[in-house]
């Protein structure tokens, strides 16, 4: 049997509600800063929720030709911008590489939602004549994140889009991991982007009663693992990780952030939108990632939890962690960075993977903010270390990043400190 190749992270780029580059985001996460504010993209007064975690001060002209940017939905702009950030960070000289061995596997949960809205709203207000933009379809379809990265960087290797709701970019990173360790590519730009803070994004999740309605204090609305949690905060953003075959990275003298050593992917087969009540699928996907890496659960020190701040989801994830680690779960650090970034849908797995890599690099666990004394849910064991409100310094060996999506689709990534 062919020996699997080792895979490392050699470049990263982000656009998030708490920072538009890796180090700015990381500083904000460590300091416990919330990106949740009143919505600026549109008038939200008719909706139940008036706030979201938007990307601030984003100008696509900083990364893209203006004419090209107009042909792309915001989620695809995010994709190319973070890929270019990651490329600069990696010091890869594309002119010296075999571009047929470099690819992009990119995720989005919703694709070009804003572009879909704009053309459909224009049509509905017209005289019934079907006038649609010639870019309507290319701006909307989910695969164009990967497509535009390829077009902008000239990448001729593996190229496709991934969609599995909230788990999308977790699955994309796992797929890129497999492609490299099987020898099908040397380098893959992977991650995800979503830009769903739109009329239908807010309206759709409001109708499901999925979003927090804490309109008076939006910065405190995302409160994973607290009894008073009332839903997630919708976010937008993107993150790109450059995964590279280890020997290829070492031959060019690359800076290595961390090693990706395991991935798990499975399904709950339980409910269209609710997680398995006992967290069985979440437990299995963490065990799968650990087994894939060839380590044991007691070697894991930190879990970047899916932690959406929903009444059902948080409880199920904790049940899953306790079923895997038992009494050893009290040794773990657990934190939910969605308390600061909100839920960035298809981008969230990639952003949280970047946060997990940085936690390993620096030996710092980012906090779960917005927990108040006495705000304890009787279904959650608070002897666990949720890293509430303040970052903690800790030597970390291995760290997991969880993402669980609608449809019961789960992904888990396991990183090792370099």
Protein backbone atom coordinates (compact mmCIF):
# COMPACT_ATOMS: atom_id res chain seq x y z
CA UNK A 1 0.00 0.00 0.00
CA UNK A 2 1.24 3.46 -0.91
CA UNK A 3 2.43 5.44 2.12
CA UNK A 4 0.39 8.58 2.79
CA UNK A 5 2.21 11.89 2.52
CA UNK A 6 2.29 14.38 5.38
CA UNK A 7 0.41 17.67 5.05
CA UNK A 8 1.26 21.01 6.63
CA UNK A 9 -0.24 24.51 6.73
CA UNK A 10 2.10 27.03 5.10
CA UNK A 11 -0.10 30.08 4.48
CA UNK A 12 -3.33 31.61 5.77
CA UNK A 13 -5.62 34.52 4.97
CA UNK A 14 -8.89 35.72 6.49
CA UNK A 15 -11.69 38.25 6.23
CA UNK A 16 -13.82 38.17 9.37
CA UNK A 17 -16.15 40.32 11.46
CA UNK A 18 -13.29 40.88 13.93
CA UNK A 19 -10.39 41.46 11.56
CA UNK A 20 -9.46 41.49 7.88
CA UNK A 21 -6.12 39.74 8.20
CA UNK A 22 -4.85 36.83 10.26
CA UNK A 23 -3.02 38.68 12.99
CA UNK A 24 -5.75 41.32 13.45
CA UNK A 25 -8.35 38.59 13.80
CA UNK A 26 -6.20 36.63 16.22
CA UNK A 27 -5.58 39.65 18.43
CA UNK A 28 -9.32 40.35 18.55
CA UNK A 29 -10.12 36.72 19.43
CA UNK A 30 -7.53 36.61 22.20
CA UNK A 31 -8.93 39.88 23.61
CA UNK A 32 -12.51 38.61 23.49
CA UNK A 33 -13.84 41.23 21.07
CA UNK A 34 -17.29 40.78 19.54
CA UNK A 35 -17.95 41.52 15.88
CA UNK A 36 -21.72 41.67 16.35
CA UNK A 37 -23.32 45.03 15.57
CA UNK A 38 -26.43 46.52 13.99
CA UNK A 39 -26.77 45.50 10.35
CA UNK A 40 -25.47 48.07 7.84
CA UNK A 41 -26.03 46.14 4.58
CA UNK A 42 -29.79 46.84 4.48
CA UNK A 43 -32.70 48.12 6.56
CA UNK A 44 -33.36 45.31 9.03
CA UNK A 45 -36.16 47.07 10.93
CA UNK A 46 -38.87 44.76 9.56
CA UNK A 47 -37.09 41.64 10.83
CA UNK A 48 -36.99 40.11 14.30
CA UNK A 49 -33.19 40.36 14.34
CA UNK A 50 -31.49 43.70 13.62
CA UNK A 51 -27.85 42.74 14.06
CA UNK A 52 -25.20 40.46 12.58
CA UNK A 53 -21.46 39.91 12.40
CA UNK A 54 -20.57 41.71 9.17
CA UNK A 55 -17.10 42.06 7.64
CA UNK A 56 -16.12 45.71 8.14
CA UNK A 57 -14.18 48.06 5.84
CA UNK A 58 -13.87 45.54 3.03
CA UNK A 59 -12.89 47.01 -0.33
CA UNK A 60 -12.57 44.44 -3.13
CA UNK A 61 -10.54 46.97 -5.14
CA UNK A 62 -7.65 46.30 -2.74
CA UNK A 63 -7.34 42.82 -4.25
CA UNK A 64 -9.24 42.74 -7.53
CA UNK A 65 -9.55 44.65 -10.78
CA UNK A 66 -12.74 46.72 -10.45
CA UNK A 67 -14.24 45.32 -13.65
CA UNK A 68 -13.59 41.75 -12.50
CA UNK A 69 -14.99 42.44 -9.03
CA UNK A 70 -18.31 43.57 -10.52
CA UNK A 71 -18.71 40.15 -12.13
CA UNK A 72 -18.38 38.37 -8.78
CA UNK A 73 -20.67 37.96 -5.81
CA UNK A 74 -19.35 39.11 -2.45
CA UNK A 75 -18.68 35.52 -1.33
CA UNK A 76 -16.42 34.97 -4.37
CA UNK A 77 -14.64 38.28 -3.79
CA UNK A 78 -13.96 37.10 -0.25
CA UNK A 79 -12.56 33.84 -1.63
CA UNK A 80 -10.05 35.47 -3.98
CA UNK A 81 -9.01 38.08 -1.42
CA UNK A 82 -8.20 35.53 1.27
CA UNK A 83 -6.43 33.27 -1.24
CA UNK A 84 -4.21 36.20 -2.23
CA UNK A 85 -3.52 36.95 1.44
CA UNK A 86 -2.56 33.33 2.02
CA UNK A 87 -0.34 33.27 -1.08
CA UNK A 88 1.56 36.33 0.13
CA UNK A 89 1.88 34.78 3.59
CA UNK A 90 3.25 31.51 2.19
CA UNK A 91 5.98 33.05 0.02
CA UNK A 92 5.13 30.57 -2.74
CA UNK A 93 6.50 31.74 -6.09
CA UNK A 94 3.85 30.46 -8.48
CA UNK A 95 6.07 31.16 -11.49
CA UNK A 96 8.50 28.54 -10.22
CA UNK A 97 5.86 25.92 -9.46
CA UNK A 98 4.10 23.32 -11.59
CA UNK A 99 0.62 24.87 -11.54
CA UNK A 100 -0.95 21.59 -12.65
CA UNK A 101 0.01 20.32 -9.18
CA UNK A 102 -1.65 23.24 -7.38
CA UNK A 103 -5.40 23.38 -6.89
CA UNK A 104 -8.27 24.94 -4.99
CA UNK A 105 -11.01 23.15 -3.07
CA UNK A 106 -13.35 25.86 -1.82
CA UNK A 107 -16.56 25.79 0.17
CA UNK A 108 -19.68 27.87 0.55
CA UNK A 109 -22.91 27.06 2.27
CA UNK A 110 -25.11 29.42 0.28
CA UNK A 111 -23.04 30.78 -2.63
CA UNK A 112 -24.10 34.04 -4.25
CA UNK A 113 -27.18 34.71 -2.14
CA UNK A 114 -26.96 38.48 -2.55
CA UNK A 115 -26.73 38.20 -6.35
CA UNK A 116 -29.71 35.83 -6.45
CA UNK A 117 -31.72 38.30 -4.39
CA UNK A 118 -30.84 41.32 -6.47
CA UNK A 119 -31.84 39.83 -9.81
CA UNK A 120 -34.99 38.17 -8.50
CA UNK A 121 -36.10 41.35 -6.72
CA UNK A 122 -35.49 43.37 -9.88
CA UNK A 123 -37.53 40.87 -11.89
CA UNK A 124 -40.40 40.87 -9.39
CA UNK A 125 -40.62 44.69 -9.51
CA UNK A 126 -40.53 44.87 -13.31
CA UNK A 127 -43.17 44.43 -16.00
CA UNK A 128 -42.79 40.66 -16.12
CA UNK A 129 -40.23 40.71 -18.91
CA UNK A 130 -37.39 38.38 -17.88
CA UNK A 131 -34.37 40.69 -17.82
CA UNK A 132 -31.57 38.90 -15.96
CA UNK A 133 -27.91 39.82 -15.76
CA UNK A 134 -25.64 37.64 -17.93
CA UNK A 135 -23.61 37.20 -14.72
CA UNK A 136 -26.64 36.05 -12.70
CA UNK A 137 -25.72 32.35 -12.81
CA UNK A 138 -21.90 32.66 -12.58
CA UNK A 139 -22.28 35.02 -9.60
CA UNK A 140 -24.68 32.69 -7.79
CA UNK A 141 -23.28 29.19 -8.13
CA UNK A 142 -21.26 27.80 -5.24
CA UNK A 143 -18.31 26.43 -7.24
CA UNK A 144 -17.25 29.91 -8.38
CA UNK A 145 -15.25 30.52 -5.20
CA UNK A 146 -12.85 27.81 -6.33
CA UNK A 147 -13.23 28.89 -9.95
CA UNK A 148 -12.24 32.50 -9.37
CA UNK A 149 -9.25 31.50 -7.22
CA UNK A 150 -8.04 29.34 -10.11
CA UNK A 151 -8.65 32.10 -12.66
CA UNK A 152 -6.92 34.79 -10.60
CA UNK A 153 -3.88 32.71 -9.65
CA UNK A 154 -3.59 30.52 -12.75
CA UNK A 155 -3.98 27.27 -10.82
CA UNK A 156 -4.52 24.27 -13.11
CA UNK A 157 -4.80 21.42 -10.61
CA UNK A 158 -7.77 20.02 -8.67
CA UNK A 159 -10.58 22.58 -8.60
CA UNK A 160 -14.10 22.24 -7.25
CA UNK A 161 -16.63 23.56 -4.78
CA UNK A 162 -17.98 21.96 -1.60
CA UNK A 163 -21.37 22.56 0.00
CA UNK A 164 -22.48 20.95 3.27
CA UNK A 165 -24.11 23.88 5.08
CA UNK A 166 -22.22 24.88 8.24
CA UNK A 167 -19.69 22.07 7.73
CA UNK A 168 -18.77 23.13 4.19
CA UNK A 169 -15.27 24.44 4.74
CA UNK A 170 -14.46 21.70 7.25
CA UNK A 171 -15.23 19.23 4.48
CA UNK A 172 -13.25 21.28 1.94
CA UNK A 173 -10.13 21.23 4.13
CA UNK A 174 -10.56 17.51 4.73
CA UNK A 175 -10.88 16.89 0.98
CA UNK A 176 -7.75 18.95 0.29
CA UNK A 177 -5.92 16.99 3.01
CA UNK A 178 -6.83 13.71 1.33
CA UNK A 179 -5.84 14.94 -2.13
CA UNK A 180 -2.36 15.91 -0.99
CA UNK A 181 -1.63 12.89 1.15
CA UNK A 182 -2.73 10.63 -1.71
CA UNK A 183 -0.24 12.39 -4.00
CA UNK A 184 -2.77 14.09 -6.29
CA UNK A 185 -1.47 17.60 -5.58
CA UNK A 186 1.48 19.36 -3.97
CA UNK A 187 -0.39 22.47 -2.80
CA UNK A 188 -4.08 23.26 -2.38
CA UNK A 189 -5.72 26.56 -1.52
CA UNK A 190 -8.65 25.52 0.61
CA UNK A 191 -11.25 27.06 2.91
CA UNK A 192 -14.58 28.72 2.46
CA UNK A 193 -16.54 31.93 2.18
CA UNK A 194 -20.11 33.07 2.69
CA UNK A 195 -21.84 36.46 2.59
CA UNK A 196 -25.35 35.74 3.81
CA UNK A 197 -26.16 38.92 5.75
CA UNK A 198 -28.95 39.74 3.30
CA UNK A 199 -32.71 40.13 3.35
CA UNK A 200 -33.34 36.45 2.75
CA UNK A 201 -30.47 35.30 4.94
CA UNK A 202 -31.79 37.11 8.00
CA UNK A 203 -35.42 36.50 7.05
CA UNK A 204 -34.95 32.80 6.41
CA UNK A 205 -33.15 32.08 9.66
CA UNK A 206 -35.59 34.29 11.58
CA UNK A 207 -38.47 32.21 10.25
CA UNK A 208 -36.74 29.10 11.64
CA UNK A 209 -36.33 30.81 15.04
CA UNK A 210 -32.60 30.08 14.69
CA UNK A 211 -31.23 33.60 15.29
CA UNK A 212 -30.77 35.48 18.52
CA UNK A 213 -33.12 38.45 18.92
CA UNK A 214 -31.07 40.20 21.59
CA UNK A 215 -31.36 43.49 19.69
CA UNK A 216 -30.60 45.75 22.66
CA UNK A 217 -27.15 44.24 23.24
CA UNK A 218 -25.92 42.62 20.02
CA UNK A 219 -22.33 42.30 21.25
CA UNK A 220 -23.53 39.88 23.95
CA UNK A 221 -26.00 37.96 21.78
CA UNK A 222 -23.76 35.02 20.88
CA UNK A 223 -23.31 33.20 24.18
CA UNK A 224 -22.43 29.54 23.64
CA UNK A 225 -22.94 27.19 26.59
CA UNK A 226 -24.87 29.80 28.63
CA UNK A 227 -28.44 29.12 29.75
CA UNK A 228 -29.72 32.41 28.32
CA UNK A 229 -28.55 31.64 24.76
CA UNK A 230 -31.40 32.20 22.32
CA UNK A 231 -29.90 31.38 18.93
CA UNK A 232 -26.87 32.12 16.80
CA UNK A 233 -25.68 35.42 15.34
CA UNK A 234 -25.42 35.32 11.55
CA UNK A 235 -21.97 36.23 10.29
CA UNK A 236 -20.07 36.49 7.03
CA UNK A 237 -16.44 36.05 6.10
CA UNK A 238 -13.81 33.80 4.62
CA UNK A 239 -10.60 31.99 5.37
CA UNK A 240 -8.00 30.33 3.19
CA UNK A 241 -5.47 27.77 4.36
CA UNK A 242 -2.67 26.69 2.07
CA UNK A 243 -2.09 22.99 2.60
CA UNK A 244 1.19 21.68 1.28
CA UNK A 245 2.93 18.33 1.08
CA UNK A 246 5.61 18.34 3.78
CA UNK A 247 8.66 17.52 1.63
CA UNK A 248 7.60 20.09 -0.97
CA UNK A 249 7.29 22.72 1.78
CA UNK A 250 10.66 21.84 3.30
CA UNK A 251 12.43 21.89 -0.06
CA UNK A 252 11.40 25.50 -0.63
CA UNK A 253 12.14 26.52 2.98
CA UNK A 254 8.54 27.27 3.85
CA UNK A 255 7.31 28.63 7.14
CA UNK A 256 5.15 25.90 8.68
CA UNK A 257 2.28 26.82 11.01
CA UNK A 258 1.06 23.36 11.97
CA UNK A 259 0.55 19.85 10.64
CA UNK A 260 -2.89 18.58 9.68
CA UNK A 261 -2.85 14.98 10.89
CA UNK A 262 -6.44 13.75 10.84
CA UNK A 263 -9.93 14.38 9.54
CA UNK A 264 -13.33 12.87 10.20
CA UNK A 265 -16.51 13.14 8.14
CA UNK A 266 -19.89 11.52 8.77
CA UNK A 267 -23.65 12.03 9.10
CA UNK A 268 -26.13 11.98 11.97
CA UNK A 269 -28.96 10.55 9.83
CA UNK A 270 -31.26 12.04 12.44
CA UNK A 271 -33.09 15.26 11.44
CA UNK A 272 -33.12 17.89 8.70
CA UNK A 273 -31.92 20.74 10.93
CA UNK A 274 -31.54 19.45 14.51
CA UNK A 275 -28.43 17.58 15.72
CA UNK A 276 -28.58 14.05 17.06
CA UNK A 277 -30.04 14.46 20.55
CA UNK A 278 -27.26 12.45 22.21
CA UNK A 279 -24.46 13.81 20.02
CA UNK A 280 -23.69 10.37 18.58
CA UNK A 281 -22.61 11.64 15.16
CA UNK A 282 -20.47 14.38 16.67
CA UNK A 283 -18.77 11.86 18.96
CA UNK A 284 -18.05 9.48 16.07
CA UNK A 285 -16.62 12.21 13.84
CA UNK A 286 -14.17 13.31 16.56
CA UNK A 287 -13.14 9.68 17.13
CA UNK A 288 -12.71 9.25 13.37
CA UNK A 289 -10.35 12.24 13.16
CA UNK A 290 -8.35 10.98 16.14
CA UNK A 291 -8.12 7.47 14.69
CA UNK A 292 -7.12 8.90 11.30
CA UNK A 293 -4.18 10.62 12.99
CA UNK A 294 -3.18 7.44 14.80
CA UNK A 295 -3.26 9.04 18.24
CA UNK A 296 -5.44 8.59 21.33
CA UNK A 297 -8.01 11.03 22.78
CA UNK A 298 -5.80 11.77 25.79
CA UNK A 299 -3.28 13.48 23.50
CA UNK A 300 -5.81 16.18 22.50
CA UNK A 301 -5.61 19.35 24.61
CA UNK A 302 -8.03 21.78 22.96
CA UNK A 303 -11.31 21.66 21.05
CA UNK A 304 -12.49 24.63 19.02
CA UNK A 305 -16.15 23.74 19.41
CA UNK A 306 -18.89 24.24 16.85
CA UNK A 307 -20.60 26.09 19.72
CA UNK A 308 -23.25 28.03 17.83
CA UNK A 309 -25.18 29.36 20.87
CA UNK A 310 -28.33 27.40 20.02
CA UNK A 311 -30.32 25.65 22.76
CA UNK A 312 -30.01 22.15 21.24
CA UNK A 313 -26.66 22.28 19.49
CA UNK A 314 -24.51 23.28 22.44
CA UNK A 315 -25.90 20.54 24.68
CA UNK A 316 -25.43 17.84 22.05
CA UNK A 317 -21.83 18.82 21.39
CA UNK A 318 -20.98 18.65 25.09
CA UNK A 319 -22.62 15.23 25.35
CA UNK A 320 -20.44 14.13 22.44
CA UNK A 321 -17.24 15.42 24.04
CA UNK A 322 -18.04 13.72 27.33
CA UNK A 323 -18.84 10.44 25.61
CA UNK A 324 -15.44 10.46 23.89
CA UNK A 325 -13.27 11.67 26.77
CA UNK A 326 -15.25 10.66 29.87
CA UNK A 327 -13.63 12.02 33.03
CA UNK A 328 -10.63 13.11 30.98
CA UNK A 329 -12.87 15.77 29.39
CA UNK A 330 -12.24 18.00 32.43
CA UNK A 331 -8.60 18.26 31.34
CA UNK A 332 -9.50 19.77 27.96
CA UNK A 333 -9.81 23.40 27.04
CA UNK A 334 -12.98 24.01 25.04
CA UNK A 335 -13.91 27.30 23.43
CA UNK A 336 -16.40 28.63 20.91
CA UNK A 337 -15.01 31.47 18.83
CA UNK A 338 -18.46 31.98 17.29
CA UNK A 339 -19.16 33.94 20.46
CA UNK A 340 -17.04 36.65 18.79
CA UNK A 341 -17.28 36.05 15.03
CA UNK A 342 -20.86 34.85 14.83
CA UNK A 343 -21.75 31.93 12.59
CA UNK A 344 -20.18 32.50 9.18
CA UNK A 345 -21.98 29.49 7.68
CA UNK A 346 -19.84 27.83 4.99
CA UNK A 347 -16.81 29.91 6.01
CA UNK A 348 -16.95 29.07 9.68
CA UNK A 349 -14.99 25.80 9.57
CA UNK A 350 -12.06 27.43 7.78
CA UNK A 351 -11.98 30.50 10.04
CA UNK A 352 -12.06 28.26 13.10
CA UNK A 353 -9.36 26.02 11.61
CA UNK A 354 -7.14 29.12 11.34
CA UNK A 355 -7.92 29.99 14.98
CA UNK A 356 -7.06 26.43 16.01
CA UNK A 357 -3.74 26.55 14.17
CA UNK A 358 -2.88 29.87 15.84
CA UNK A 359 -3.79 28.46 19.26
CA UNK A 360 -1.25 25.69 18.68
CA UNK A 361 1.35 28.12 17.37
CA UNK A 362 1.14 30.51 20.33
CA UNK A 363 -0.03 28.24 23.15
CA UNK A 364 -3.07 30.45 23.73
CA UNK A 365 -6.68 29.25 23.87
CA UNK A 366 -9.12 31.97 22.75
CA UNK A 367 -12.12 32.50 25.02
CA UNK A 368 -15.84 31.82 24.86
CA UNK A 369 -17.19 35.27 25.67
CA UNK A 370 -20.51 36.52 27.08
CA UNK A 371 -20.88 34.03 29.90
CA UNK A 372 -22.21 35.59 33.10
CA UNK A 373 -22.05 34.26 36.64
CA UNK A 374 -25.18 32.27 37.40
CA UNK A 375 -26.07 31.75 33.73
CA UNK A 376 -25.70 27.96 33.93
CA UNK A 377 -27.78 25.44 31.99
CA UNK A 378 -28.66 22.38 34.06
CA UNK A 379 -28.03 20.21 30.97
CA UNK A 380 -24.36 21.31 30.73
CA UNK A 381 -21.55 20.18 33.05
CA UNK A 382 -19.76 23.36 34.11
CA UNK A 383 -16.85 21.46 35.58
CA UNK A 384 -15.66 21.45 31.97
CA UNK A 385 -13.24 24.23 31.03
CA UNK A 386 -15.12 26.34 28.49
CA UNK A 387 -12.41 29.05 28.63
CA UNK A 388 -15.10 31.56 29.58
CA UNK A 389 -14.46 35.25 28.93
CA UNK A 390 -10.66 35.24 29.09
CA UNK A 391 -7.99 33.57 26.95
CA UNK A 392 -5.79 31.00 28.67
CA UNK A 393 -2.12 30.21 28.08
CA UNK A 394 -1.46 26.51 27.73
CA UNK A 395 1.08 24.29 26.00
CA UNK A 396 -0.92 22.51 23.31
CA UNK A 397 0.04 19.34 21.43
CA UNK A 398 -3.05 18.46 19.39
CA UNK A 399 -6.22 20.46 18.79
CA UNK A 400 -9.56 19.62 17.17
CA UNK A 401 -11.87 21.90 15.19
CA UNK A 402 -15.52 20.82 14.94
CA UNK A 403 -18.14 21.80 12.36
CA UNK A 404 -21.65 20.38 12.24
CA UNK A 405 -24.16 21.29 9.52
CA UNK A 406 -27.84 21.16 8.66
CA UNK A 407 -28.66 17.76 7.25
CA UNK A 408 -26.60 16.17 10.02
CA UNK A 409 -23.35 16.59 8.08
CA UNK A 410 -20.31 16.62 10.36
CA UNK A 411 -16.62 17.36 9.87
CA UNK A 412 -13.71 17.40 12.30
CA UNK A 413 -10.11 18.47 11.68
CA UNK A 414 -7.18 17.50 13.92
CA UNK A 415 -4.05 19.66 13.90
CA UNK A 416 -0.68 19.04 15.56
CA UNK A 417 1.70 21.69 16.83
CA UNK A 418 4.70 22.07 14.56
